[in-house]
Amino acid sequence: MKKYFDFKGHNTTYRREIIGGLTTFLSMAYVLAVNPAMLSLQGIDGVPDDMKMDMNAVFVATALAAFVGTLIMGVFAKYPIALAPGMGLNAFFAFSVVLTMGIPWQTALTGVLFSGIIFVILTLSGVREYIINAIPMEMKMAVSAGIGFFITFVGLQGAGIITSDEATLVSLGPVHDPGVLLAGFGLLVTVILMAKKVPGAIFFGMIITAVTGVIFSLVPMPEGIVSAAPSMAPTFGAAFEAFAEPSQLFNTQFLIVVLTFLFVDFFDTAGTLVGVASQANLIRDNKLPRAGRALLSDAFATISGAIFGTSTTTSYVESTAGVAAGARTGFASVVSAFLFLSAIFFSPLLVTFTSEVTAPALIIVGALMASNLSKIPFNQFEIAVPAFLTVFLMPLSYSIATGIAIGFIFYPVTMIMAGRRKEIHPMMYGLFIIFILYFVFVSE
């Protein structure tokens, strides 16, 4: 096992990989509860039952999709990256495709299936890997740093430290709120452990925070340990039902749905792979080793997720929490994968890891990833502008893909104007056109 995952070459151990895999799982375990609620349109009044997906079935589909995708990523691509249904994509699936467009959720799953198949074709042809390797190092570092700011914002928002405000869009939340205080306590504990260079500091910070939350009744006490796995019969294979009515597939609306799934997953995955790999120091000569395998793992995860009955499965930026805790190889992903599988039977225990508990991990990891800003030559205006826009717009637009799109549109413009045309990879011009067309014809 050590030889297969090259523990020696990555200077890692079983202990580090297990702690890293567990930390990644705990950092993204919230998806097991949030994704079913999202796809079932929980809390939305006046929605017909036939537009809502079965919540219990989606829970199982979510866990299985995460298990399959993460296991493939770990064993085949050997990266410490976990996968699960993407949070932005499930919102698009539920609220834009099903609720707004009125497309049946079964047909929406077909759209996810199509996007996964197209991804496999693009990956096997080498197009996806070629695109990622064509991105200049400065922009890769901007993507990594931007993801750091993004997940920090997600953590602050999830903990209630940052809240919405009608006048200023965002503002400081109620600092005396028990949940905010718990997150603040967890952040302080984690910072102290990190400063003391305690191995697995982020993981232990979450454990201490969760136990404290239970003691003070701020975090739910598990009602049990083991529960029977719900049936996923209501969603399994539903993606194939639309083939019985081709008219649902061959129209402009369905094409837009597939293109959006393609676009967001493609660049969210690319950004996440670059971000996690750079955090783990796995990028070599501005190239991502085994990028093709990593992208293929992501594509197959999307296909399997669609068959199980959930929205697009993609690589998660929370994997950086596991990397910060010590994960360096695919063995950490194997650990995360089986934890997702076991979650089907031990779901009651997950209630203790609320957003307040996981927020400190996301905030700390964001701070670590922000260090990549030092690798960007901000004294060169032609690079500073696209890099800055990439970093700044990820959290503001609440989208990794949007930040990448804006930055990559400006990159060739500023480089050409600065007389550095020869340094631009031809693929960057192609991305420039693709992103422009996306904002014109697809983005809402």
Protein backbone atom coordinates (compact mmCIF):
# COMPACT_ATOMS: atom_id res chain seq x y z
CA MET A 1 0.00 0.00 0.00
CA LYS A 2 2.78 2.44 0.94
CA LYS A 3 4.58 1.67 -2.31
CA TYR A 4 1.48 2.04 -4.48
CA PHE A 5 0.69 5.49 -3.07
CA ASP A 6 4.40 6.41 -2.78
CA PHE A 7 4.35 7.39 0.89
CA LYS A 8 8.14 7.83 0.88
CA GLY A 9 8.14 10.15 -2.12
CA HIS A 10 5.45 12.31 -0.53
CA ASN A 11 7.02 12.16 2.95
CA THR A 12 3.81 10.94 4.56
CA THR A 13 2.54 8.20 6.88
CA TYR A 14 -0.62 6.19 7.47
CA ARG A 15 -1.42 8.40 10.43
CA ARG A 16 -1.21 11.60 8.40
CA GLU A 17 -3.23 10.17 5.54
CA ILE A 18 -5.95 8.81 7.83
CA ILE A 19 -6.22 12.08 9.74
CA GLY A 20 -6.22 13.98 6.44
CA GLY A 21 -8.93 11.77 4.94
CA LEU A 22 -11.04 12.03 8.09
CA THR A 23 -10.59 15.81 8.19
CA THR A 24 -11.68 16.15 4.57
CA PHE A 25 -14.73 14.01 5.23
CA LEU A 26 -15.76 15.97 8.29
CA SER A 27 -15.20 19.28 6.48
CA MET A 28 -17.63 18.34 3.72
CA ALA A 29 -19.98 15.97 5.57
CA TYR A 30 -22.56 18.75 5.61
CA VAL A 31 -23.34 17.91 1.98
CA LEU A 32 -25.02 14.71 3.19
CA ALA A 33 -27.71 16.81 4.83
CA VAL A 34 -27.76 19.93 2.65
CA ASN A 35 -27.90 18.25 -0.76
CA PRO A 36 -31.04 16.18 -0.03
CA ALA A 37 -32.76 19.24 1.41
CA MET A 38 -31.80 21.27 -1.66
CA LEU A 39 -32.91 18.75 -4.30
CA SER A 40 -36.14 17.96 -2.46
CA LEU A 41 -36.95 21.70 -2.40
CA GLN A 42 -37.42 21.47 1.34
CA GLY A 43 -39.14 24.52 2.82
CA ILE A 44 -40.39 25.81 -0.55
CA ASP A 45 -44.14 26.36 -0.37
CA GLY A 46 -46.58 25.74 -3.20
CA VAL A 47 -44.39 23.26 -5.07
CA PRO A 48 -46.15 20.14 -6.45
CA ASP A 49 -44.90 16.87 -5.01
CA ASP A 50 -43.88 15.58 -8.44
CA MET A 51 -41.29 18.39 -8.67
CA LYS A 52 -39.65 17.32 -5.41
CA MET A 53 -37.09 14.53 -5.20
CA ASP A 54 -37.37 12.00 -2.39
CA MET A 55 -35.15 13.34 0.41
CA ASN A 56 -34.13 9.96 1.84
CA ALA A 57 -33.30 8.56 -1.58
CA VAL A 58 -31.18 11.61 -2.39
CA PHE A 59 -29.33 11.17 0.91
CA VAL A 60 -28.25 7.67 -0.09
CA ALA A 61 -27.48 8.79 -3.65
CA THR A 62 -25.33 11.62 -2.27
CA ALA A 63 -23.32 9.28 -0.05
CA LEU A 64 -22.87 6.68 -2.80
CA ALA A 65 -21.87 9.28 -5.40
CA ALA A 66 -19.30 10.68 -2.97
CA PHE A 67 -18.03 7.16 -2.21
CA VAL A 68 -17.61 6.13 -5.84
CA GLY A 69 -16.12 9.42 -7.02
CA THR A 70 -13.70 9.78 -4.11
CA LEU A 71 -12.61 6.13 -4.31
CA ILE A 72 -11.83 6.44 -8.02
CA MET A 73 -9.94 9.68 -7.39
CA GLY A 74 -7.89 8.02 -4.66
CA VAL A 75 -7.10 4.68 -6.29
CA PHE A 76 -6.94 5.71 -9.96
CA ALA A 77 -5.66 9.31 -9.84
CA LYS A 78 -3.92 8.99 -6.44
CA TYR A 79 -4.90 12.51 -5.33
CA PRO A 80 -6.04 13.50 -1.81
CA ILE A 81 -9.22 14.98 -3.24
CA ALA A 82 -12.77 14.05 -2.24
CA LEU A 83 -15.81 14.41 -4.45
CA ALA A 84 -19.50 14.92 -3.75
CA PRO A 85 -22.50 16.65 -5.38
CA GLY A 86 -21.46 20.29 -5.90
CA MET A 87 -23.26 22.87 -3.81
CA GLY A 88 -23.57 25.52 -6.52
CA LEU A 89 -24.63 22.97 -9.09
CA ASN A 90 -27.33 21.47 -6.88
CA ALA A 91 -28.79 24.95 -6.38
CA PHE A 92 -28.86 25.47 -10.15
CA PHE A 93 -30.39 22.00 -10.56
CA ALA A 94 -33.18 22.58 -8.02
CA PHE A 95 -34.03 26.27 -8.32
CA SER A 96 -33.17 27.13 -11.93
CA VAL A 97 -33.75 23.93 -13.88
CA VAL A 98 -36.62 22.35 -11.94
CA LEU A 99 -38.33 25.23 -10.16
CA THR A 100 -37.85 28.07 -12.69
CA MET A 101 -37.59 26.28 -16.06
CA GLY A 102 -40.16 23.68 -15.05
CA ILE A 103 -38.01 20.81 -16.31
CA PRO A 104 -38.80 17.51 -14.52
CA TRP A 105 -36.07 16.49 -12.11
CA GLN A 106 -35.76 13.20 -13.98
CA THR A 107 -34.86 15.12 -17.16
CA ALA A 108 -32.48 17.33 -15.18
CA LEU A 109 -30.68 14.17 -14.08
CA THR A 110 -30.42 13.22 -17.75
CA GLY A 111 -28.70 16.57 -18.34
CA VAL A 112 -26.20 15.72 -15.60
CA LEU A 113 -25.65 12.30 -17.21
CA PHE A 114 -25.01 13.89 -20.61
CA SER A 115 -22.52 16.35 -19.17
CA GLY A 116 -20.64 13.49 -17.50
CA ILE A 117 -20.45 11.51 -20.74
CA ILE A 118 -19.17 14.57 -22.62
CA PHE A 119 -16.57 15.07 -19.89
CA VAL A 120 -15.31 11.52 -20.39
CA ILE A 121 -14.92 12.15 -24.13
CA LEU A 122 -13.12 15.46 -23.58
CA THR A 123 -10.85 13.88 -20.97
CA LEU A 124 -9.94 10.80 -23.03
CA SER A 125 -9.11 13.08 -25.95
CA GLY A 126 -6.74 15.01 -23.71
CA VAL A 127 -8.57 18.32 -24.19
CA ARG A 128 -9.28 18.93 -20.49
CA GLU A 129 -5.72 18.16 -19.39
CA TYR A 130 -4.32 20.28 -22.23
CA ILE A 131 -6.41 23.25 -21.13
CA ILE A 132 -5.34 23.00 -17.49
CA ASN A 133 -1.64 22.71 -18.39
CA ALA A 134 -1.96 25.71 -20.73
CA ILE A 135 -2.94 28.01 -17.87
CA PRO A 136 0.07 30.15 -16.81
CA MET A 137 1.46 29.58 -13.32
CA GLU A 138 0.52 33.09 -12.14
CA MET A 139 -3.12 32.45 -12.96
CA LYS A 140 -3.02 29.02 -11.33
CA MET A 141 -1.76 30.65 -8.15
CA ALA A 142 -4.53 33.26 -8.44
CA VAL A 143 -7.09 30.47 -8.75
CA SER A 144 -5.65 28.74 -5.69
CA ALA A 145 -5.62 31.93 -3.61
CA GLY A 146 -9.12 32.82 -4.82
CA ILE A 147 -10.43 29.46 -3.67
CA GLY A 148 -8.84 30.20 -0.30
CA PHE A 149 -10.80 33.46 -0.01
CA PHE A 150 -13.92 31.70 -1.25
CA ILE A 151 -13.89 28.88 1.31
CA THR A 152 -13.03 31.34 4.06
CA PHE A 153 -16.12 33.31 3.10
CA VAL A 154 -18.17 30.08 3.07
CA GLY A 155 -16.90 29.26 6.55
CA LEU A 156 -17.60 32.74 7.92
CA GLN A 157 -21.08 32.70 6.41
CA GLY A 158 -21.89 29.20 7.61
CA ALA A 159 -20.88 30.12 11.15
CA GLY A 160 -23.01 33.28 11.10
CA ILE A 161 -19.95 35.49 11.58
CA ILE A 162 -20.75 37.18 8.27
CA THR A 163 -24.41 37.70 7.38
CA SER A 164 -26.43 39.35 4.62
CA ASP A 165 -27.38 43.01 4.86
CA GLU A 166 -29.83 44.91 2.66
CA ALA A 167 -27.77 48.09 2.71
CA THR A 168 -24.22 46.74 2.44
CA LEU A 169 -24.85 43.21 1.05
CA VAL A 170 -22.79 41.67 3.88
CA SER A 171 -21.99 42.68 7.45
CA LEU A 172 -20.72 41.30 10.74
CA GLY A 173 -23.18 38.89 12.28
CA PRO A 174 -24.51 38.86 15.85
CA VAL A 175 -21.27 38.36 17.78
CA HIS A 176 -23.15 37.38 20.96
CA ASP A 177 -25.03 34.57 19.21
CA PRO A 178 -24.14 31.19 20.78
CA GLY A 179 -23.36 29.67 17.38
CA VAL A 180 -21.03 32.52 16.46
CA LEU A 181 -19.31 32.25 19.83
CA LEU A 182 -18.82 28.50 19.31
CA ALA A 183 -17.27 29.10 15.88
CA GLY A 184 -15.06 31.81 17.35
CA PHE A 185 -13.96 29.45 20.10
CA GLY A 186 -13.19 26.77 17.56
CA LEU A 187 -11.20 29.22 15.45
CA LEU A 188 -9.16 30.30 18.48
CA VAL A 189 -8.44 26.70 19.50
CA THR A 190 -7.45 25.74 15.94
CA VAL A 191 -5.18 28.77 15.57
CA ILE A 192 -3.41 27.89 18.82
CA LEU A 193 -2.95 24.27 17.74
CA MET A 194 -1.68 25.38 14.33
CA ALA A 195 0.74 27.87 15.90
CA LYS A 196 2.02 25.11 18.15
CA LYS A 197 2.46 22.95 15.02
CA VAL A 198 0.36 20.15 16.48
CA PRO A 199 -0.05 17.37 13.86
CA GLY A 200 -3.66 17.19 12.69
CA ALA A 201 -4.42 20.54 14.35
CA ILE A 202 -7.41 21.29 12.11
CA PHE A 203 -9.00 17.90 12.78
CA PHE A 204 -8.49 18.10 16.53
CA GLY A 205 -9.79 21.66 16.47
CA MET A 206 -13.06 20.40 15.02
CA ILE A 207 -13.29 17.58 17.56
CA ILE A 208 -12.76 19.97 20.49
CA THR A 209 -15.29 22.41 19.04
CA ALA A 210 -17.89 19.67 18.50
CA VAL A 211 -17.49 18.29 22.03
CA THR A 212 -17.74 21.81 23.47
CA GLY A 213 -20.87 22.43 21.43
CA VAL A 214 -22.49 19.26 22.76
CA ILE A 215 -21.57 20.11 26.37
CA PHE A 216 -23.18 23.54 26.13
CA SER A 217 -26.15 22.25 24.08
CA LEU A 218 -25.11 24.31 21.06
CA VAL A 219 -24.68 21.25 18.89
CA PRO A 220 -27.30 18.46 18.71
CA MET A 221 -26.62 15.31 20.69
CA PRO A 222 -26.83 12.26 18.39
CA GLU A 223 -30.06 10.35 18.89
CA GLY A 224 -28.37 7.11 18.00
CA ILE A 225 -25.35 5.57 16.36
CA VAL A 226 -26.61 3.25 13.66
CA SER A 227 -29.64 3.58 11.41
CA ALA A 228 -30.93 1.54 8.49
CA ALA A 229 -30.04 2.77 5.02
CA PRO A 230 -33.09 4.32 3.29
CA SER A 231 -34.18 3.03 -0.12
CA MET A 232 -33.05 5.01 -3.14
CA ALA A 233 -35.54 3.35 -5.47
CA PRO A 234 -37.34 6.68 -6.13
CA THR A 235 -34.23 8.18 -7.79
CA PHE A 236 -32.04 5.29 -8.95
CA GLY A 237 -32.01 5.12 -12.75
CA ALA A 238 -34.45 8.01 -13.14
CA ALA A 239 -31.94 9.72 -15.44
CA PHE A 240 -32.85 7.22 -18.16
CA GLU A 241 -36.59 7.93 -18.07
CA ALA A 242 -36.30 10.97 -20.36
CA PHE A 243 -35.08 8.76 -23.22
CA ALA A 244 -38.65 7.55 -23.58
CA GLU A 245 -39.63 11.08 -24.66
CA PRO A 246 -36.91 12.47 -26.99
CA SER A 247 -38.78 15.79 -27.27
CA GLN A 248 -37.63 16.59 -23.73
CA LEU A 249 -33.99 16.26 -24.79
CA PHE A 250 -33.78 17.82 -28.22
CA ASN A 251 -34.59 21.44 -27.47
CA THR A 252 -32.71 24.66 -26.72
CA GLN A 253 -33.69 24.72 -23.07
CA PHE A 254 -32.21 21.28 -22.40
CA LEU A 255 -29.08 22.26 -24.33
CA ILE A 256 -28.61 25.30 -22.07
CA VAL A 257 -28.97 23.06 -19.01
CA VAL A 258 -26.29 20.65 -20.25
CA LEU A 259 -23.96 23.51 -21.24
CA THR A 260 -24.28 25.10 -17.82
CA PHE A 261 -23.55 21.83 -16.04
CA LEU A 262 -20.57 21.40 -18.38
CA PHE A 263 -19.21 24.90 -17.87
CA VAL A 264 -19.49 25.13 -14.10
CA ASP A 265 -18.24 21.61 -13.40
CA PHE A 266 -15.36 21.90 -15.88
CA PHE A 267 -13.85 25.01 -14.37
CA ASP A 268 -14.86 24.37 -10.76
CA THR A 269 -13.03 21.05 -11.04
CA ALA A 270 -10.04 22.60 -12.78
CA GLY A 271 -9.83 25.29 -10.13
CA THR A 272 -10.18 22.81 -7.28
CA LEU A 273 -7.56 20.44 -8.70
CA VAL A 274 -5.07 23.27 -9.12
CA GLY A 275 -5.88 24.68 -5.68
CA VAL A 276 -5.54 21.39 -3.81
CA ALA A 277 -2.48 20.28 -5.79
CA SER A 278 -0.67 23.58 -5.20
CA GLN A 279 -1.53 23.45 -1.49
CA ALA A 280 -0.02 19.95 -1.33
CA ASN A 281 2.99 20.99 -3.47
CA LEU A 282 2.09 18.44 -6.15
CA ILE A 283 2.41 20.70 -9.22
CA ARG A 284 5.57 20.00 -11.23
CA ASP A 285 6.94 22.34 -13.93
CA ASN A 286 3.60 24.17 -14.07
CA LYS A 287 1.84 20.90 -14.85
CA LEU A 288 -0.52 18.79 -12.82
CA PRO A 289 0.76 15.19 -12.73
CA ARG A 290 -1.87 12.61 -13.64
CA ALA A 291 -4.28 15.43 -14.48
CA GLY A 292 -6.01 13.23 -17.03
CA ARG A 293 -6.74 10.58 -14.43
CA ALA A 294 -8.03 13.15 -11.95
CA LEU A 295 -10.35 14.67 -14.52
CA LEU A 296 -11.54 11.24 -15.66
CA SER A 297 -12.31 10.37 -12.03
CA ASP A 298 -14.43 13.49 -11.80
CA ALA A 299 -16.26 12.64 -15.02
CA PHE A 300 -17.11 9.10 -13.94
CA ALA A 301 -18.25 10.45 -10.57
CA THR A 302 -20.73 12.71 -12.35
CA ILE A 303 -22.08 9.81 -14.40
CA SER A 304 -22.46 7.52 -11.38
CA GLY A 305 -24.07 10.32 -9.36
CA ALA A 306 -26.63 10.94 -12.09
CA ILE A 307 -27.51 7.23 -12.19
CA PHE A 308 -27.85 7.07 -8.39
CA GLY A 309 -30.06 10.16 -8.45
CA THR A 310 -28.21 13.35 -7.57
CA SER A 311 -26.90 16.49 -9.22
CA THR A 312 -23.38 16.89 -10.63
CA THR A 313 -20.66 15.30 -8.52
CA THR A 314 -17.45 17.29 -8.47
CA SER A 315 -14.16 17.78 -6.65
CA TYR A 316 -14.51 19.65 -3.36
CA VAL A 317 -12.35 22.57 -2.23
CA GLU A 318 -12.79 21.30 1.32
CA SER A 319 -10.19 18.69 0.38
CA THR A 320 -7.66 21.40 1.19
CA ALA A 321 -8.59 20.95 4.86
CA GLY A 322 -7.39 17.37 4.62
CA VAL A 323 -4.22 18.47 2.85
CA ALA A 324 -3.55 21.00 5.61
CA ALA A 325 -4.02 18.17 8.14
CA GLY A 326 -1.36 16.07 6.40
CA ALA A 327 -2.97 14.29 3.40
CA ARG A 328 -0.65 13.98 0.40
CA THR A 329 -1.72 10.84 -1.46
CA GLY A 330 -4.77 9.03 -2.75
CA PHE A 331 -4.88 6.89 0.38
CA ALA A 332 -6.48 9.84 2.17
CA SER A 333 -9.22 9.79 -0.48
CA VAL A 334 -9.75 6.07 0.08
CA VAL A 335 -10.29 6.85 3.76
CA SER A 336 -12.75 9.64 2.93
CA ALA A 337 -14.57 7.40 0.45
CA PHE A 338 -15.28 4.64 2.95
CA LEU A 339 -16.34 7.19 5.54
CA PHE A 340 -18.94 8.44 3.06
CA LEU A 341 -20.08 4.87 2.50
CA SER A 342 -20.32 4.22 6.24
CA ALA A 343 -22.22 7.49 6.67
CA ILE A 344 -25.22 5.75 5.10
CA PHE A 345 -25.48 3.67 8.27
CA PHE A 346 -24.07 6.10 10.84
CA SER A 347 -25.79 9.28 9.75
CA PRO A 348 -27.00 10.19 13.30
CA LEU A 349 -23.40 11.00 14.32
CA LEU A 350 -23.04 13.64 11.62
CA VAL A 351 -25.41 16.05 13.35
CA THR A 352 -22.62 17.14 15.70
CA PHE A 353 -20.50 18.51 12.86
CA THR A 354 -22.54 21.58 12.09
CA SER A 355 -21.39 24.56 10.02
CA GLU A 356 -20.24 26.28 13.22
CA VAL A 357 -17.96 23.32 13.94
CA THR A 358 -16.45 23.04 10.46
CA ALA A 359 -16.17 26.82 9.87
CA PRO A 360 -12.81 27.19 11.70
CA ALA A 361 -11.26 24.56 9.42
CA LEU A 362 -12.41 26.39 6.30
CA ILE A 363 -11.20 29.75 7.60
CA ILE A 364 -7.75 28.42 8.51
CA VAL A 365 -7.35 26.61 5.21
CA GLY A 366 -8.33 29.80 3.38
CA ALA A 367 -5.57 31.64 5.19
CA LEU A 368 -3.06 28.95 4.20
CA MET A 369 -4.10 29.06 0.55
CA ALA A 370 -3.86 32.85 0.48
CA SER A 371 -0.09 32.42 0.76
CA ASN A 372 -0.08 31.71 -2.98
CA LEU A 373 -0.60 35.43 -3.51
CA SER A 374 3.11 35.83 -2.79
CA LYS A 375 3.88 33.87 -5.97
CA ILE A 376 2.02 36.37 -8.17
CA PRO A 377 4.11 39.31 -9.49
CA PHE A 378 1.69 42.10 -8.59
CA ASN A 379 4.28 44.66 -9.67
CA GLN A 380 3.48 43.61 -13.26
CA PHE A 381 0.17 45.32 -14.02
CA GLU A 382 -0.72 43.04 -16.94
CA ILE A 383 -0.65 40.04 -14.59
CA ALA A 384 -1.87 41.81 -11.46
CA VAL A 385 -5.24 42.84 -12.92
CA PRO A 386 -6.48 39.41 -14.16
CA ALA A 387 -5.04 37.71 -11.07
CA PHE A 388 -6.71 40.21 -8.74
CA LEU A 389 -10.08 39.89 -10.50
CA THR A 390 -9.86 36.10 -10.32
CA VAL A 391 -9.20 36.19 -6.58
CA PHE A 392 -11.63 38.97 -5.73
CA LEU A 393 -14.64 37.79 -7.73
CA MET A 394 -14.70 34.20 -6.49
CA PRO A 395 -16.10 35.09 -3.05
CA LEU A 396 -18.09 38.09 -4.29
CA SER A 397 -19.88 36.11 -7.01
CA TYR A 398 -19.99 33.01 -4.78
CA SER A 399 -18.62 31.05 -7.71
CA ILE A 400 -15.18 29.65 -8.43
CA ALA A 401 -16.05 29.37 -12.12
CA THR A 402 -17.09 33.02 -12.41
CA GLY A 403 -13.84 34.21 -10.86
CA ILE A 404 -11.86 32.10 -13.30
CA ALA A 405 -13.94 33.33 -16.23
CA ILE A 406 -13.48 37.04 -15.52
CA GLY A 407 -9.75 36.68 -14.84
CA PHE A 408 -9.15 34.63 -17.96
CA ILE A 409 -11.02 37.14 -20.10
CA PHE A 410 -8.77 39.96 -18.92
CA TYR A 411 -5.49 37.99 -19.07
CA PRO A 412 -4.95 37.97 -22.87
CA VAL A 413 -6.16 41.58 -23.13
CA THR A 414 -3.67 42.96 -20.61
CA MET A 415 -0.81 40.78 -21.88
CA ILE A 416 -1.34 41.89 -25.48
CA MET A 417 -1.54 45.54 -24.49
CA ALA A 418 1.70 45.13 -22.53
CA GLY A 419 3.45 43.74 -25.62
CA ARG A 420 3.73 40.21 -24.27
CA ARG A 421 1.67 38.48 -26.95
CA LYS A 422 4.26 35.72 -27.49
CA GLU A 423 3.92 34.56 -23.88
CA ILE A 424 0.23 33.76 -24.27
CA HIS A 425 -0.57 30.10 -24.87
CA PRO A 426 -2.95 29.67 -27.86
CA MET A 427 -5.44 27.88 -25.60
CA MET A 428 -5.85 31.05 -23.54
CA TYR A 429 -7.35 32.74 -26.60
CA GLY A 430 -9.78 29.85 -26.93
CA LEU A 431 -10.77 30.19 -23.28
CA PHE A 432 -11.20 33.92 -23.78
CA ILE A 433 -13.76 33.31 -26.55
CA ILE A 434 -15.52 30.52 -24.63
CA PHE A 435 -15.96 32.67 -21.54
CA ILE A 436 -17.24 35.61 -23.56
CA LEU A 437 -19.81 33.37 -25.27
CA TYR A 438 -20.80 31.91 -21.93
CA PHE A 439 -21.64 35.30 -20.45
CA VAL A 440 -23.49 36.31 -23.63
CA PHE A 441 -25.59 33.23 -24.25
CA VAL A 442 -25.66 30.99 -21.17
CA SER A 443 -25.09 32.88 -17.94
CA GLU A 444 -28.20 34.26 -16.32
